[in-house]
Amino acid sequence: MDRRAGHDGLRDLAAAKAGRISAGRLHRPDLCHTVLSTFGNTNRGRHQRTAPPPNGADRGCFMGGRRMSKSFHWVQAAAVTALLLTAQSVSSIARADEVEDFYKGKVVTILIGHPPGGSFDLYAQLAAQYFSKHIPGQPTVVVQGMPGGGGSLAAAYFANKAPHDGTMLALLPESLAHTQLLEPKSSRWDVSKMRYIGSIADVTSVMMVRNGAPGQTVEQFHDVQSNVSCSGRTTSSSQAAAMLKYFTGVKFNMVCGYDSATASILAVFRGEADITTTVWTNWTVNYRQQMDAGEIRPVVQFGTKRLTDLPDTPTAIELVQDPKAKEALEFFAAGGDIGRALLVPPKTPDDRFQALAKSFDELMTDPDFLKDAKTRSIPIAPTNAAGVQQSVDRIFSTPPEVIALLKEAMEKGFEN
């Protein structure tokens, strides 16, 4: 079959499948000839050769000058299916080639909203180092920082001004969806219009107190005032202390305005503050020596359950008795399941999103990537795109009364 006949044949096969041409009879004798030649003659003993019908004859399928019997219909149907699948396969390959051609020679940027030194930078740099070889076309992958507002500045840029052609990804705070529900007027993004390609690891915020602080336990926090260092109010680490203050009545003096989690932690080591909170990964990777030396000690964790590494440290949920307060804290902790996740901005083409999600899954099983993470004590607990989306959907399905309670806790918890 020549190329023109092949194209016309695929068109008519598609029409047959759609019901525009009788499923029992294709009006293409040349195609019937090809089908018989390819798949064989069901009456091979009587008809060894096939040929198109004579001029002026009915344009149904003939075998050796006679109308094809019904026994051939199953062969015809099989041929239709096979050729349609072939056409679909060719189309998929073509799309894959288009994605590869697009990314070849390009630079893919991973945007973060925090300065170097924290867990966002840690995971972004690790991913960037090994991601390129898994993306079609193997583009260069770099990390760009846009610190400010606890990640809100980068989130606003990413949602509204970032290129949406698949050349920019972002690793933003896991609290984006929460903040959007709690402070819709000030949230200049819509998480529902973005798509996650996957999460490298879930995260749990852990509150630390410095050695020598006036209060050393949760019980003592009720009796003496403690200075709490924090960055922007949109970060889960800052919000954690505000919620604990509201729901348990601890005497926290919130000192927010530090430009990053790193700056907040250094304030504790300098004695400017007594308490601060950041994700457990940040503590274990960057401050293990200080923990081992007893300079800081964990007092509360903000996950739905206790971390394996911290079996004796209570969760904030355990510290409250009111069922509504427990529900609000569980809603807050759901962001930890999103964790350190990569996402694409609104309007990113579907084929490039799918390619990036597949590339992310491959990255998470890359032996070199995993070996490097293990050497640097960086936890890896990946979740694919569909799994992260489920976490996002759970957050957006939270009852309005729970959101209202948590919003009140945020607003009053930051007050001094």
Protein backbone atom coordinates (compact mmCIF):
# COMPACT_ATOMS: atom_id res chain seq x y z
CA MET A 1 0.00 0.00 0.00
CA ASP A 2 1.52 3.36 -0.99
CA ARG A 3 1.69 6.25 1.45
CA ARG A 4 -1.36 8.05 0.05
CA ALA A 5 -3.46 4.91 0.18
CA GLY A 6 -2.24 4.28 3.71
CA HIS A 7 -3.30 7.71 4.90
CA ASP A 8 -6.70 7.39 3.22
CA GLY A 9 -7.11 3.91 4.66
CA LEU A 10 -6.43 5.03 8.21
CA ARG A 11 -8.93 7.83 7.72
CA ASP A 12 -11.64 5.39 6.61
CA LEU A 13 -10.78 2.95 9.37
CA ALA A 14 -11.25 5.71 11.90
CA ALA A 15 -14.56 6.58 10.25
CA ALA A 16 -15.67 2.96 10.50
CA LYS A 17 -14.85 2.89 14.20
CA ALA A 18 -16.79 6.12 14.71
CA GLY A 19 -19.84 4.61 12.93
CA ARG A 20 -19.75 6.83 9.86
CA ILE A 21 -19.06 3.77 7.65
CA SER A 22 -20.73 0.40 8.12
CA ALA A 23 -18.79 -1.76 10.51
CA GLY A 24 -19.60 -4.79 8.32
CA ARG A 25 -18.26 -3.33 5.11
CA LEU A 26 -15.51 -0.83 4.41
CA HIS A 27 -15.93 0.96 1.08
CA ARG A 28 -12.26 0.62 0.28
CA PRO A 29 -11.42 -2.32 -2.01
CA ASP A 30 -7.76 -1.34 -2.06
CA LEU A 31 -7.74 -1.45 1.73
CA CYS A 32 -9.57 -4.78 1.76
CA HIS A 33 -6.90 -6.07 -0.58
CA THR A 34 -4.23 -4.90 1.86
CA VAL A 35 -6.03 -6.37 4.85
CA LEU A 36 -6.35 -9.76 3.18
CA SER A 37 -2.73 -9.70 2.10
CA THR A 38 -1.62 -8.77 5.62
CA PHE A 39 -3.83 -10.96 7.77
CA GLY A 40 -4.50 -13.89 5.42
CA ASN A 41 -7.48 -15.34 3.55
CA THR A 42 -9.97 -17.19 5.68
CA ASN A 43 -10.90 -19.39 2.69
CA ARG A 44 -7.31 -20.01 1.66
CA GLY A 45 -8.13 -23.49 0.33
CA ARG A 46 -10.48 -22.04 -2.35
CA HIS A 47 -9.07 -18.58 -2.90
CA GLN A 48 -5.30 -18.23 -2.93
CA ARG A 49 -5.20 -14.64 -4.20
CA THR A 50 -7.12 -11.46 -3.56
CA ALA A 51 -7.96 -8.66 -5.92
CA PRO A 52 -10.05 -5.49 -5.98
CA PRO A 53 -13.56 -5.86 -7.51
CA PRO A 54 -14.06 -5.21 -11.22
CA ASN A 55 -15.04 -1.76 -12.40
CA GLY A 56 -18.62 -0.87 -11.60
CA ALA A 57 -18.99 -3.68 -9.06
CA ASP A 58 -20.20 -3.14 -5.53
CA ARG A 59 -17.40 -1.61 -3.45
CA GLY A 60 -17.68 -4.06 -0.60
CA CYS A 61 -14.79 -6.43 0.10
CA PHE A 62 -14.34 -9.24 -2.46
CA MET A 63 -12.20 -12.36 -2.38
CA GLY A 64 -11.12 -13.68 -5.76
CA GLY A 65 -13.97 -11.81 -7.49
CA ARG A 66 -16.70 -12.94 -5.03
CA ARG A 67 -18.20 -10.99 -2.16
CA MET A 68 -16.37 -11.66 1.07
CA SER A 69 -18.17 -14.07 3.41
CA LYS A 70 -19.24 -13.13 6.94
CA SER A 71 -16.50 -15.35 8.33
CA PHE A 72 -14.06 -12.69 7.28
CA HIS A 73 -15.67 -9.93 9.36
CA TRP A 74 -13.68 -10.84 12.49
CA VAL A 75 -10.45 -10.53 10.50
CA GLN A 76 -11.62 -7.18 9.19
CA ALA A 77 -12.44 -5.97 12.71
CA ALA A 78 -9.04 -7.12 13.96
CA ALA A 79 -7.36 -5.27 11.13
CA VAL A 80 -9.28 -2.08 11.91
CA THR A 81 -8.28 -2.26 15.57
CA ALA A 82 -4.64 -3.05 14.79
CA LEU A 83 -4.26 -0.22 12.32
CA LEU A 84 -6.00 2.27 14.61
CA LEU A 85 -3.70 1.29 17.48
CA THR A 86 -0.76 1.69 15.15
CA ALA A 87 -1.96 5.18 14.25
CA GLN A 88 -2.36 6.06 17.93
CA SER A 89 1.12 4.71 18.70
CA VAL A 90 2.63 6.77 15.90
CA SER A 91 0.80 9.83 17.25
CA SER A 92 2.17 9.22 20.78
CA ILE A 93 5.69 8.86 19.44
CA ALA A 94 5.27 12.07 17.48
CA ARG A 95 4.17 13.92 20.62
CA ALA A 96 7.13 12.53 22.56
CA ASP A 97 9.45 13.70 19.79
CA GLU A 98 7.87 17.16 19.96
CA VAL A 99 8.53 17.34 23.72
CA GLU A 100 12.13 16.21 23.25
CA ASP A 101 12.67 18.74 20.47
CA PHE A 102 11.22 21.49 22.65
CA TYR A 103 13.47 20.82 25.65
CA LYS A 104 16.66 20.21 23.68
CA GLY A 105 19.03 23.10 24.33
CA LYS A 106 16.63 24.75 26.80
CA VAL A 107 17.17 25.74 30.46
CA VAL A 108 14.63 24.51 33.01
CA THR A 109 14.48 26.60 36.19
CA ILE A 110 13.40 25.38 39.62
CA LEU A 111 12.10 28.44 41.50
CA ILE A 112 12.25 28.56 45.30
CA GLY A 113 10.99 31.29 47.60
CA HIS A 114 13.64 30.95 50.30
CA PRO A 115 17.33 31.83 50.64
CA PRO A 116 20.09 29.19 50.47
CA GLY A 117 20.61 26.96 53.47
CA GLY A 118 17.12 25.69 54.21
CA SER A 119 15.30 22.54 53.18
CA PHE A 120 13.78 24.15 50.07
CA ASP A 121 17.20 24.95 48.68
CA LEU A 122 18.50 21.56 49.82
CA TYR A 123 15.92 19.56 47.89
CA ALA A 124 15.90 21.88 44.87
CA GLN A 125 19.67 21.68 44.43
CA LEU A 126 19.64 17.90 44.84
CA ALA A 127 16.88 17.47 42.25
CA ALA A 128 18.51 19.89 39.79
CA GLN A 129 21.76 17.95 39.87
CA TYR A 130 20.21 14.74 38.51
CA PHE A 131 16.95 15.78 36.84
CA SER A 132 18.30 16.76 33.43
CA LYS A 133 19.12 13.27 32.18
CA HIS A 134 15.54 12.11 32.80
CA ILE A 135 13.79 14.97 30.97
CA PRO A 136 13.35 14.45 27.19
CA GLY A 137 15.97 16.50 25.36
CA GLN A 138 18.10 16.69 28.53
CA PRO A 139 17.83 20.45 29.18
CA THR A 140 20.05 22.21 31.67
CA VAL A 141 18.37 22.45 35.10
CA VAL A 142 19.16 25.33 37.46
CA VAL A 143 17.80 26.68 40.75
CA GLN A 144 16.64 30.28 41.16
CA GLY A 145 15.87 31.89 44.51
CA MET A 146 13.24 34.58 45.00
CA PRO A 147 13.01 34.97 48.79
CA GLY A 148 10.38 37.13 50.46
CA GLY A 149 7.25 36.76 52.53
CA GLY A 150 8.00 33.18 53.51
CA GLY A 151 7.69 32.03 49.89
CA SER A 152 4.63 34.12 49.01
CA LEU A 153 6.57 36.44 46.69
CA ALA A 154 7.82 33.52 44.61
CA ALA A 155 4.37 31.90 44.65
CA ALA A 156 2.73 35.07 43.29
CA TYR A 157 5.33 35.40 40.54
CA PHE A 158 5.07 31.72 39.64
CA ALA A 159 1.28 31.82 39.37
CA ASN A 160 1.01 35.04 37.38
CA LYS A 161 4.24 35.88 35.55
CA ALA A 162 6.33 32.74 35.19
CA PRO A 163 6.67 31.20 31.71
CA HIS A 164 4.04 28.49 31.34
CA ASP A 165 5.72 26.55 28.55
CA GLY A 166 7.25 23.91 30.82
CA THR A 167 10.61 25.63 31.34
CA MET A 168 9.90 26.68 34.93
CA LEU A 169 9.06 24.51 37.92
CA ALA A 170 8.77 25.59 41.53
CA LEU A 171 9.37 24.14 44.96
CA LEU A 172 7.13 26.27 47.16
CA PRO A 173 5.78 26.07 50.74
CA GLU A 174 3.55 23.11 51.46
CA SER A 175 1.17 25.58 53.12
CA LEU A 176 0.17 27.30 49.85
CA ALA A 177 -3.25 25.64 49.71
CA HIS A 178 -3.88 26.33 53.40
CA THR A 179 -2.94 29.98 53.01
CA GLN A 180 -5.22 30.32 49.98
CA LEU A 181 -8.16 29.06 52.03
CA LEU A 182 -7.27 31.02 55.16
CA GLU A 183 -6.31 34.31 53.51
CA PRO A 184 -7.91 34.34 50.04
CA LYS A 185 -7.65 38.12 49.59
CA SER A 186 -3.89 38.21 50.13
CA SER A 187 -3.11 34.98 48.29
CA ARG A 188 -2.10 35.96 44.77
CA TRP A 189 -2.20 32.42 43.47
CA ASP A 190 -4.62 29.56 42.93
CA VAL A 191 -3.17 26.15 43.71
CA SER A 192 -6.08 24.45 41.93
CA LYS A 193 -4.78 25.88 38.63
CA MET A 194 -1.26 24.55 39.18
CA ARG A 195 -0.22 20.93 38.91
CA TYR A 196 2.28 18.98 40.99
CA ILE A 197 4.61 16.61 39.16
CA GLY A 198 5.50 14.86 42.43
CA SER A 199 6.87 15.22 45.96
CA ILE A 200 10.42 14.29 46.95
CA ALA A 201 9.57 13.85 50.63
CA ASP A 202 6.86 14.68 53.12
CA VAL A 203 7.78 17.09 55.91
CA THR A 204 6.93 17.61 59.56
CA SER A 205 7.63 20.85 61.41
CA VAL A 206 9.36 20.44 64.77
CA MET A 207 9.63 23.10 67.48
CA MET A 208 12.97 23.43 69.27
CA VAL A 209 13.86 25.22 72.48
CA ARG A 210 17.39 26.40 73.27
CA ASN A 211 19.30 25.26 76.29
CA GLY A 212 19.04 27.96 78.95
CA ALA A 213 15.71 29.40 77.83
CA PRO A 214 13.29 30.40 80.64
CA GLY A 215 10.88 27.64 79.72
CA GLN A 216 12.09 24.16 78.75
CA THR A 217 8.84 22.18 78.48
CA VAL A 218 5.30 22.75 77.19
CA GLU A 219 4.10 22.89 80.79
CA GLN A 220 6.60 25.63 81.60
CA PHE A 221 5.62 27.57 78.48
CA HIS A 222 2.29 28.25 80.22
CA ASP A 223 4.01 29.91 83.19
CA VAL A 224 6.83 31.96 81.63
CA GLN A 225 7.02 34.00 78.46
CA SER A 226 9.15 32.68 75.61
CA ASN A 227 10.34 34.63 72.58
CA VAL A 228 9.57 32.79 69.34
CA SER A 229 11.52 33.70 66.18
CA CYS A 230 9.73 33.28 62.84
CA SER A 231 9.76 34.51 59.26
CA GLY A 232 6.71 35.33 57.12
CA ARG A 233 3.26 34.35 58.31
CA THR A 234 2.65 32.17 55.25
CA THR A 235 5.22 29.56 56.28
CA SER A 236 3.98 26.50 58.12
CA SER A 237 6.85 26.79 60.61
CA SER A 238 5.67 30.26 61.68
CA GLN A 239 2.02 29.27 61.69
CA ALA A 240 2.76 26.24 63.88
CA ALA A 241 3.81 28.36 66.85
CA ALA A 242 0.86 30.74 66.40
CA MET A 243 -1.61 27.84 66.45
CA LEU A 244 -0.01 26.26 69.51
CA LYS A 245 -0.28 29.60 71.27
CA TYR A 246 -3.97 29.99 70.41
CA PHE A 247 -5.13 26.44 71.12
CA THR A 248 -3.09 25.72 74.28
CA GLY A 249 -2.62 29.15 75.85
CA VAL A 250 1.19 29.05 76.01
CA LYS A 251 2.85 32.45 76.58
CA PHE A 252 4.60 33.03 73.29
CA ASN A 253 5.93 36.41 72.20
CA MET A 254 5.93 36.12 68.41
CA VAL A 255 8.98 37.82 66.88
CA CYS A 256 8.35 37.55 63.15
CA GLY A 257 10.20 39.31 60.37
CA TYR A 258 13.32 37.18 59.96
CA ASP A 259 13.96 36.60 56.27
CA SER A 260 14.26 32.82 56.45
CA ALA A 261 14.16 29.75 58.65
CA THR A 262 17.96 29.91 58.80
CA ALA A 263 17.86 33.45 60.20
CA SER A 264 15.22 32.42 62.74
CA ILE A 265 17.36 29.51 63.90
CA LEU A 266 20.49 31.65 64.21
CA ALA A 267 18.48 34.06 66.39
CA VAL A 268 17.91 31.16 68.81
CA PHE A 269 21.60 30.23 68.89
CA ARG A 270 22.49 33.89 69.57
CA GLY A 271 19.99 34.02 72.42
CA GLU A 272 17.73 36.61 70.74
CA ALA A 273 14.92 34.08 70.81
CA ASP A 274 14.12 31.00 72.88
CA ILE A 275 12.10 28.91 70.46
CA THR A 276 11.77 28.41 66.72
CA THR A 277 10.30 25.86 64.35
CA THR A 278 11.41 24.35 61.05
CA VAL A 279 10.98 21.04 59.29
CA TRP A 280 12.69 18.01 60.77
CA THR A 281 14.80 17.53 57.64
CA ASN A 282 16.38 20.94 58.14
CA TRP A 283 17.21 20.12 61.76
CA THR A 284 18.75 16.74 61.00
CA VAL A 285 20.77 17.78 57.94
CA ASN A 286 22.07 21.19 59.06
CA TYR A 287 21.93 21.19 62.87
CA ARG A 288 22.60 17.62 63.96
CA GLN A 289 25.79 18.67 65.78
CA GLN A 290 23.94 21.26 67.88
CA MET A 291 21.22 18.76 68.72
CA ASP A 292 23.75 16.12 69.75
CA ALA A 293 25.54 18.70 71.90
CA GLY A 294 22.28 19.57 73.69
CA GLU A 295 22.22 23.19 72.52
CA ILE A 296 18.65 22.72 71.27
CA ARG A 297 15.97 20.18 72.09
CA PRO A 298 12.66 19.18 70.38
CA VAL A 299 9.52 19.94 72.38
CA VAL A 300 6.55 19.70 69.97
CA GLN A 301 6.03 18.25 66.48
CA PHE A 302 3.25 19.22 64.07
CA GLY A 303 2.44 16.10 62.09
CA THR A 304 -0.58 13.82 62.26
CA LYS A 305 1.54 11.28 64.16
CA ARG A 306 4.90 11.15 65.92
CA LEU A 307 7.97 10.78 63.77
CA THR A 308 9.94 7.57 64.15
CA ASP A 309 12.98 9.68 65.09
CA LEU A 310 11.02 11.47 67.84
CA PRO A 311 8.96 8.85 69.70
CA ASP A 312 8.97 10.85 72.94
CA THR A 313 8.04 14.24 71.52
CA PRO A 314 4.27 14.93 71.53
CA THR A 315 2.33 16.22 68.54
CA ALA A 316 0.36 19.43 68.84
CA ILE A 317 -2.79 17.38 68.26
CA GLU A 318 -2.07 15.42 71.44
CA LEU A 319 -1.80 18.62 73.47
CA VAL A 320 -5.40 19.74 72.89
CA GLN A 321 -8.62 18.13 74.13
CA ASP A 322 -11.27 20.03 72.16
CA PRO A 323 -12.36 17.87 69.17
CA LYS A 324 -12.74 20.95 66.98
CA ALA A 325 -9.21 22.08 67.85
CA LYS A 326 -7.92 18.60 67.01
CA GLU A 327 -9.69 18.72 63.64
CA ALA A 328 -8.19 22.13 62.87
CA LEU A 329 -4.68 20.92 63.73
CA GLU A 330 -5.16 17.82 61.59
CA PHE A 331 -6.16 20.07 58.70
CA PHE A 332 -2.99 22.09 59.23
CA ALA A 333 -0.82 18.96 59.36
CA ALA A 334 -2.17 17.76 55.98
CA GLY A 335 0.25 20.11 54.23
CA GLY A 336 3.09 17.92 55.44
CA ASP A 337 1.93 15.21 53.05
CA ILE A 338 2.58 17.57 50.14
CA GLY A 339 6.04 18.24 51.53
CA ARG A 340 8.86 19.28 49.25
CA ALA A 341 7.01 18.99 45.96
CA LEU A 342 7.64 20.32 42.45
CA LEU A 343 4.82 21.89 40.46
CA VAL A 344 4.20 23.58 37.11
CA PRO A 345 2.41 26.91 36.65
CA PRO A 346 -1.07 27.36 35.17
CA LYS A 347 -1.55 26.70 31.43
CA THR A 348 1.47 24.42 31.09
CA PRO A 349 0.83 22.16 28.05
CA ASP A 350 -0.43 18.71 28.98
CA ASP A 351 2.21 16.79 27.04
CA ARG A 352 5.04 18.63 28.80
CA PHE A 353 3.39 18.20 32.19
CA GLN A 354 3.06 14.46 31.56
CA ALA A 355 6.67 14.25 30.41
CA LEU A 356 7.90 16.10 33.51
CA ALA A 357 5.80 13.92 35.84
CA LYS A 358 7.22 10.78 34.21
CA SER A 359 10.74 12.21 34.42
CA PHE A 360 10.20 12.96 38.12
CA ASP A 361 9.18 9.36 38.79
CA GLU A 362 12.35 8.20 37.04
CA LEU A 363 14.45 10.64 39.09
CA MET A 364 13.08 9.20 42.32
CA THR A 365 14.56 5.79 41.43
CA ASP A 366 17.85 7.10 40.04
CA PRO A 367 20.65 5.21 41.88
CA ASP A 368 23.03 8.20 41.77
CA PHE A 369 20.34 10.55 43.10
CA LEU A 370 19.47 8.17 45.94
CA LYS A 371 23.12 7.52 46.81
CA ASP A 372 23.87 11.24 47.03
CA ALA A 373 20.78 11.84 49.20
CA LYS A 374 21.83 9.04 51.55
CA THR A 375 25.38 10.37 51.80
CA ARG A 376 24.04 13.80 52.74
CA SER A 377 21.38 12.36 55.12
CA ILE A 378 18.56 13.88 53.08
CA PRO A 379 15.33 11.89 53.54
CA ILE A 380 13.67 10.69 50.34
CA ALA A 381 10.05 9.50 50.52
CA PRO A 382 8.54 10.22 47.10
CA THR A 383 4.90 10.61 46.12
CA ASN A 384 3.86 10.72 42.46
CA ALA A 385 1.75 13.43 40.83
CA ALA A 386 -1.57 11.67 41.46
CA GLY A 387 -0.74 11.12 45.12
CA VAL A 388 0.14 14.76 45.73
CA GLN A 389 -3.04 15.84 43.98
CA GLN A 390 -5.05 13.69 46.40
CA SER A 391 -3.49 15.59 49.32
CA VAL A 392 -4.35 18.90 47.68
CA ASP A 393 -7.94 17.76 47.07
CA ARG A 394 -8.30 16.75 50.75
CA ILE A 395 -7.21 20.21 51.84
CA PHE A 396 -9.68 21.94 49.52
CA SER A 397 -12.50 19.69 50.73
CA THR A 398 -12.09 20.82 54.36
CA PRO A 399 -15.38 21.97 55.94
CA PRO A 400 -15.74 25.79 56.11
CA GLU A 401 -16.16 25.78 59.89
CA VAL A 402 -12.76 24.10 60.34
CA ILE A 403 -11.14 26.64 58.04
CA ALA A 404 -12.79 29.47 59.98
CA LEU A 405 -11.47 28.13 63.29
CA LEU A 406 -7.94 27.77 61.98
CA LYS A 407 -8.11 31.25 60.46
CA GLU A 408 -9.05 32.67 63.86
CA ALA A 409 -6.16 30.76 65.42
CA MET A 410 -3.73 32.20 62.88
CA GLU A 411 -4.89 35.78 63.33
CA LYS A 412 -4.96 35.78 67.11
CA GLY A 413 -1.98 33.51 67.52
CA PHE A 414 0.35 36.05 65.94
CA GLU A 415 -0.90 38.81 68.24
CA ASN A 416 1.26 39.73 71.23
